[in-house]
Amino acid sequence: MQRLRFTKMHGLGNDYVYVDCFHQPKPDGAALARTVSPRRTGVGSDGVILILPSATADCRMEMYNADGSRGEMCGNGIRCVGKYVFERGLSRNNPLRVETDAGIKTLFLSVNNGTVRSVTVDMGEPILDARAIPVAVDRSPVVRHPLSLAGQELEVTAVSMGNPHCVLFVPDVSEAPVHHLGPLLEQHPLFPARVNVEFVAVSRPSTLQMRVWERGSGETEACGTGACAAVVAASLLGLAHRTAEVHLPGGVLGIEWRESDNHVYMTGPAEEVFEGELVWPRYA
């Protein structure tokens, strides 16, 4: 057994246990996530993010959902990675490049007296090809696709931001059946890699309200990639501008889908909560 140091961090309440693998051996991320994520018997988190050296970027992140499944990308999580890496001197580069399972992402850090206050992430181009998202349909983009589910007739729009998203537009997010439809859509055969589900209400073309059911974690306070997917979907449907604020239970993200390079840029905070130590693998 060894002592495994960790740091609890969150972006808009979307919280993860972060492990610095520059200075200690890499643990089994899936087993660690299943153990530390429970709110009553563990540290309490939406999953685990490992921060590792990279041969192609300033660092690499590996993200695991609360159920131990691997996630390709996490928008709120990568902002916290940027804060951790910069403030602890693992890299002083700004912009900072982070390798993920969805490719290398560039982070622009807003720093005040050595403290990272907010981060803008170049999330890359949204993926609209059905096979690449993936969605089990023969046409792209997957916009207002009809789906009968649980006695309801739905229209779903699918976008990948390196991980798959299913966006539903609803009149009022407070009344949205997140805990009913969320798990049903996550596991639906239409989405062979499972899917994150966004319930979105358009207040005005520059303001969206959103709740999210995250693949492998359930409802969370915020989802950065989901907020990006929501703005892309709303823009495709003519419901919102390409630049908008997305209001989530945990706070607000600024999203811009730029016409100049077709990239989506996400801006939001990153916060450190506390540091701790586990005896590992006792908790595996």
Protein backbone atom coordinates (compact mmCIF):
# COMPACT_ATOMS: atom_id res chain seq x y z
CA MET A 1 0.00 0.00 0.00
CA GLN A 2 1.08 3.57 -0.65
CA ARG A 3 0.00 7.06 0.27
CA LEU A 4 -1.79 8.62 -2.71
CA ARG A 5 -2.03 12.41 -2.59
CA PHE A 6 -4.97 14.06 -4.31
CA THR A 7 -6.59 17.46 -4.78
CA LYS A 8 -10.34 18.09 -4.93
CA MET A 9 -11.20 20.76 -7.54
CA HIS A 10 -14.32 21.91 -9.36
CA GLY A 11 -15.50 23.98 -12.29
CA LEU A 12 -18.97 25.38 -11.54
CA GLY A 13 -19.61 22.54 -9.09
CA ASN A 14 -18.59 19.83 -11.58
CA ASP A 15 -16.07 18.29 -9.20
CA TYR A 16 -13.28 15.76 -9.60
CA VAL A 17 -10.50 14.19 -7.60
CA TYR A 18 -7.20 15.13 -9.28
CA VAL A 19 -4.05 13.03 -8.93
CA ASP A 20 -0.61 14.43 -9.80
CA CYS A 21 1.15 11.60 -11.65
CA PHE A 22 4.23 13.72 -12.31
CA HIS A 23 5.37 13.05 -8.75
CA GLN A 24 3.75 9.75 -7.81
CA PRO A 25 2.91 6.46 -9.55
CA LYS A 26 -0.17 6.34 -11.75
CA PRO A 27 -3.04 4.53 -10.00
CA ASP A 28 -5.80 2.48 -11.61
CA GLY A 29 -8.03 5.40 -12.58
CA ALA A 30 -11.20 3.35 -13.06
CA ALA A 31 -10.93 1.65 -9.67
CA LEU A 32 -10.05 4.93 -7.98
CA ALA A 33 -13.05 6.69 -9.51
CA ARG A 34 -15.48 4.01 -8.37
CA THR A 35 -14.08 4.23 -4.85
CA VAL A 36 -13.67 7.95 -4.21
CA SER A 37 -16.68 9.30 -6.12
CA PRO A 38 -19.56 8.22 -3.80
CA ARG A 39 -20.81 11.20 -1.81
CA ARG A 40 -21.40 9.30 1.44
CA THR A 41 -18.64 6.68 1.49
CA GLY A 42 -15.89 8.33 -0.56
CA VAL A 43 -14.33 11.73 -1.10
CA GLY A 44 -17.37 12.72 -3.17
CA SER A 45 -16.92 13.69 -6.82
CA ASP A 46 -18.16 13.30 -10.37
CA GLY A 47 -15.07 11.22 -11.10
CA VAL A 48 -11.27 11.23 -11.21
CA ILE A 49 -8.79 13.08 -13.43
CA LEU A 50 -5.16 11.96 -13.60
CA ILE A 51 -2.55 14.60 -14.54
CA LEU A 52 0.39 12.97 -16.33
CA PRO A 53 3.49 13.92 -18.32
CA SER A 54 3.03 14.13 -22.09
CA ALA A 55 5.43 13.68 -24.98
CA THR A 56 3.41 16.05 -27.19
CA ALA A 57 1.99 18.71 -24.83
CA ASP A 58 2.62 20.37 -21.46
CA CYS A 59 0.69 17.58 -19.72
CA ARG A 60 -1.86 14.87 -20.31
CA MET A 61 -5.21 14.35 -18.59
CA GLU A 62 -7.03 11.05 -18.22
CA MET A 63 -10.65 11.40 -17.13
CA TYR A 64 -12.79 8.72 -15.45
CA ASN A 65 -16.49 9.06 -14.69
CA ALA A 66 -17.91 8.15 -11.30
CA ASP A 67 -18.77 4.64 -12.49
CA GLY A 68 -15.17 4.07 -13.61
CA SER A 69 -15.86 4.45 -17.34
CA ARG A 70 -13.33 6.44 -19.34
CA GLY A 71 -14.33 9.86 -20.69
CA GLU A 72 -12.64 11.34 -23.74
CA MET A 73 -12.88 14.95 -22.62
CA CYS A 74 -14.18 17.15 -19.80
CA GLY A 75 -14.53 20.90 -20.28
CA ASN A 76 -14.81 21.83 -16.61
CA GLY A 77 -12.14 19.32 -15.71
CA ILE A 78 -9.57 20.59 -18.19
CA ARG A 79 -9.84 24.14 -16.80
CA CYS A 80 -8.91 22.76 -13.38
CA VAL A 81 -6.02 20.85 -14.92
CA GLY A 82 -4.73 24.15 -16.33
CA LYS A 83 -4.99 25.81 -12.93
CA TYR A 84 -3.25 22.93 -11.16
CA VAL A 85 -0.40 22.61 -13.66
CA PHE A 86 0.32 26.34 -13.80
CA GLU A 87 0.04 27.17 -10.10
CA ARG A 88 2.20 24.22 -9.06
CA GLY A 89 4.85 25.00 -11.64
CA LEU A 90 4.49 21.79 -13.65
CA SER A 91 4.43 24.17 -16.61
CA ARG A 92 4.49 27.96 -16.71
CA ASN A 93 3.44 28.11 -20.35
CA ASN A 94 0.49 30.36 -21.17
CA PRO A 95 -1.14 29.32 -23.45
CA LEU A 96 -0.92 25.82 -22.03
CA ARG A 97 -1.37 22.67 -24.14
CA VAL A 98 -3.12 19.65 -22.63
CA GLU A 99 -3.24 16.24 -24.29
CA THR A 100 -6.61 14.48 -23.95
CA ASP A 101 -8.28 11.43 -25.47
CA ALA A 102 -10.02 13.94 -27.77
CA GLY A 103 -6.75 15.51 -28.95
CA ILE A 104 -4.57 18.36 -27.72
CA LYS A 105 -6.48 21.36 -26.34
CA THR A 106 -5.04 24.85 -25.91
CA LEU A 107 -5.81 26.75 -22.70
CA PHE A 108 -5.54 30.52 -22.28
CA LEU A 109 -5.11 31.30 -18.59
CA SER A 110 -6.28 34.49 -16.91
CA VAL A 111 -3.72 34.93 -14.12
CA ASN A 112 -3.66 37.46 -11.28
CA ASN A 113 -0.67 37.44 -8.89
CA GLY A 114 0.19 33.88 -9.81
CA THR A 115 -3.37 32.59 -9.34
CA VAL A 116 -5.43 31.32 -12.26
CA ARG A 117 -8.81 33.02 -12.05
CA SER A 118 -10.44 31.74 -15.23
CA VAL A 119 -9.55 29.71 -18.28
CA THR A 120 -10.56 29.91 -21.94
CA VAL A 121 -10.26 26.57 -23.72
CA ASP A 122 -10.05 26.10 -27.47
CA MET A 123 -12.31 23.06 -27.67
CA GLY A 124 -11.73 22.54 -31.40
CA GLU A 125 -14.33 22.03 -34.09
CA PRO A 126 -17.68 20.48 -33.22
CA ILE A 127 -18.18 17.05 -34.80
CA LEU A 128 -21.48 16.77 -36.66
CA ASP A 129 -20.91 13.58 -38.65
CA ALA A 130 -23.23 10.89 -37.31
CA ARG A 131 -20.68 8.07 -37.54
CA ALA A 132 -18.02 10.08 -35.74
CA ILE A 133 -20.26 11.25 -32.85
CA PRO A 134 -21.37 8.30 -32.93
CA VAL A 135 -25.11 8.07 -33.69
CA ALA A 136 -26.74 5.08 -35.36
CA VAL A 137 -28.38 7.02 -38.20
CA ASP A 138 -27.50 7.37 -41.87
CA ARG A 139 -27.69 11.16 -42.25
CA SER A 140 -25.69 14.10 -41.00
CA PRO A 141 -26.00 16.44 -39.26
CA VAL A 142 -28.32 14.79 -36.74
CA VAL A 143 -30.69 17.71 -36.22
CA ARG A 144 -34.22 17.41 -34.84
CA HIS A 145 -34.02 13.64 -35.25
CA PRO A 146 -37.38 12.10 -34.20
CA LEU A 147 -37.23 9.56 -31.40
CA SER A 148 -40.07 7.78 -29.59
CA LEU A 149 -39.11 7.12 -25.97
CA ALA A 150 -41.08 6.40 -22.79
CA GLY A 151 -44.35 7.35 -24.45
CA GLN A 152 -42.99 10.68 -25.67
CA GLU A 153 -42.14 11.97 -29.13
CA LEU A 154 -38.75 13.68 -28.89
CA GLU A 155 -36.55 15.63 -31.29
CA VAL A 156 -32.84 15.20 -30.56
CA THR A 157 -29.82 16.99 -31.96
CA ALA A 158 -26.44 15.26 -31.68
CA VAL A 159 -23.02 16.92 -31.43
CA SER A 160 -19.61 15.65 -30.36
CA MET A 161 -17.07 17.87 -28.63
CA GLY A 162 -14.67 14.94 -28.45
CA ASN A 163 -17.36 13.14 -26.46
CA PRO A 164 -20.97 12.49 -27.58
CA HIS A 165 -23.89 14.75 -26.70
CA CYS A 166 -27.64 14.56 -27.24
CA VAL A 167 -29.36 17.96 -26.95
CA LEU A 168 -33.07 18.35 -26.24
CA PHE A 169 -34.77 21.75 -26.21
CA VAL A 170 -37.39 22.17 -23.51
CA PRO A 171 -39.66 25.02 -22.36
CA ASP A 172 -38.35 25.07 -18.79
CA VAL A 173 -35.27 23.27 -17.47
CA SER A 174 -36.63 23.27 -13.93
CA GLU A 175 -39.43 20.98 -15.11
CA ALA A 176 -37.30 18.89 -17.47
CA PRO A 177 -37.41 15.09 -16.85
CA VAL A 178 -33.65 14.87 -16.40
CA HIS A 179 -33.68 11.83 -14.10
CA HIS A 180 -36.28 10.01 -16.19
CA LEU A 181 -35.15 10.60 -19.76
CA GLY A 182 -31.46 11.15 -18.99
CA PRO A 183 -30.57 7.52 -18.18
CA LEU A 184 -32.87 6.18 -20.90
CA LEU A 185 -31.17 8.31 -23.56
CA GLU A 186 -27.68 7.63 -22.16
CA GLN A 187 -28.18 3.90 -22.75
CA HIS A 188 -30.32 4.11 -25.92
CA PRO A 189 -29.18 1.99 -28.92
CA LEU A 190 -29.20 5.16 -31.02
CA PHE A 191 -25.96 6.07 -29.19
CA PRO A 192 -23.58 3.09 -29.37
CA ALA A 193 -20.94 4.75 -27.12
CA ARG A 194 -23.61 6.00 -24.69
CA VAL A 195 -24.20 9.74 -24.55
CA ASN A 196 -24.34 12.87 -22.39
CA VAL A 197 -27.81 14.43 -22.41
CA GLU A 198 -28.45 18.20 -22.31
CA PHE A 199 -31.86 19.68 -21.49
CA VAL A 200 -31.78 23.24 -22.83
CA ALA A 201 -34.17 26.21 -22.71
CA VAL A 202 -33.44 29.29 -24.82
CA SER A 203 -34.16 32.44 -22.80
CA ARG A 204 -32.92 34.72 -25.59
CA PRO A 205 -30.50 34.25 -28.50
CA SER A 206 -27.56 35.07 -26.24
CA THR A 207 -28.68 33.14 -23.13
CA LEU A 208 -29.34 29.44 -22.61
CA GLN A 209 -30.48 27.60 -19.48
CA MET A 210 -29.23 24.02 -19.17
CA ARG A 211 -29.28 20.91 -17.05
CA VAL A 212 -27.24 17.86 -17.90
CA TRP A 213 -27.26 14.11 -17.38
CA GLU A 214 -23.64 13.01 -17.78
CA ARG A 215 -22.67 9.62 -19.13
CA GLY A 216 -21.41 7.54 -16.24
CA SER A 217 -22.06 10.16 -13.52
CA GLY A 218 -25.75 11.15 -13.62
CA GLU A 219 -26.92 14.73 -13.20
CA THR A 220 -24.05 17.12 -12.48
CA GLU A 221 -23.89 20.80 -11.61
CA ALA A 222 -22.28 21.69 -14.96
CA CYS A 223 -20.79 20.19 -18.11
CA GLY A 224 -18.37 22.23 -20.21
CA THR A 225 -18.47 20.07 -23.34
CA GLY A 226 -22.25 19.91 -22.95
CA ALA A 227 -22.51 23.70 -22.83
CA CYS A 228 -20.48 23.87 -26.04
CA ALA A 229 -22.73 21.27 -27.68
CA ALA A 230 -25.84 23.18 -26.57
CA VAL A 231 -24.69 26.42 -28.22
CA VAL A 232 -23.72 24.58 -31.42
CA ALA A 233 -27.09 22.81 -31.52
CA ALA A 234 -29.06 26.00 -30.77
CA SER A 235 -27.14 27.86 -33.47
CA LEU A 236 -27.73 25.09 -36.04
CA LEU A 237 -31.47 25.32 -35.31
CA GLY A 238 -31.50 29.12 -35.53
CA LEU A 239 -32.48 29.45 -31.88
CA ALA A 240 -29.38 31.23 -30.58
CA HIS A 241 -26.34 33.22 -31.60
CA ARG A 242 -22.95 31.57 -32.04
CA THR A 243 -21.83 33.45 -28.92
CA ALA A 244 -23.93 32.87 -25.81
CA GLU A 245 -23.91 32.44 -22.05
CA VAL A 246 -24.97 29.05 -20.76
CA HIS A 247 -26.51 29.13 -17.28
CA LEU A 248 -26.14 25.87 -15.36
CA PRO A 249 -27.01 24.94 -11.76
CA GLY A 250 -23.35 25.52 -10.83
CA GLY A 251 -22.89 28.86 -12.62
CA VAL A 252 -22.31 30.43 -16.03
CA LEU A 253 -20.04 29.49 -18.93
CA GLY A 254 -19.24 31.74 -21.87
CA ILE A 255 -19.31 29.88 -25.20
CA GLU A 256 -18.25 31.19 -28.61
CA TRP A 257 -18.46 29.19 -31.85
CA ARG A 258 -16.20 31.28 -34.05
CA GLU A 259 -16.84 31.50 -37.77
CA SER A 260 -13.18 32.36 -38.43
CA ASP A 261 -11.85 28.89 -37.57
CA ASN A 262 -15.03 26.90 -36.77
CA HIS A 263 -13.64 26.26 -33.27
CA VAL A 264 -15.67 26.45 -30.08
CA TYR A 265 -14.16 28.45 -27.20
CA MET A 266 -15.31 27.96 -23.61
CA THR A 267 -14.55 30.37 -20.75
CA GLY A 268 -15.16 29.68 -17.08
CA PRO A 269 -13.64 29.46 -13.60
CA ALA A 270 -11.60 26.74 -11.90
CA GLU A 271 -11.50 26.32 -8.12
CA GLU A 272 -9.47 24.26 -5.68
CA VAL A 273 -11.39 22.87 -2.70
CA PHE A 274 -8.91 20.87 -0.60
CA GLU A 275 -6.00 18.45 -0.65
CA GLY A 276 -5.94 15.02 0.94
CA GLU A 277 -4.26 11.64 1.09
CA LEU A 278 -5.56 8.10 0.57
CA VAL A 279 -4.07 4.77 1.55
CA TRP A 280 -4.01 2.94 -1.79
CA PRO A 281 -4.93 0.29 -2.86
CA ARG A 282 -6.84 -0.31 0.38
CA TYR A 283 -9.68 1.66 -1.22
CA ALA A 284 -9.53 -0.12 -4.61
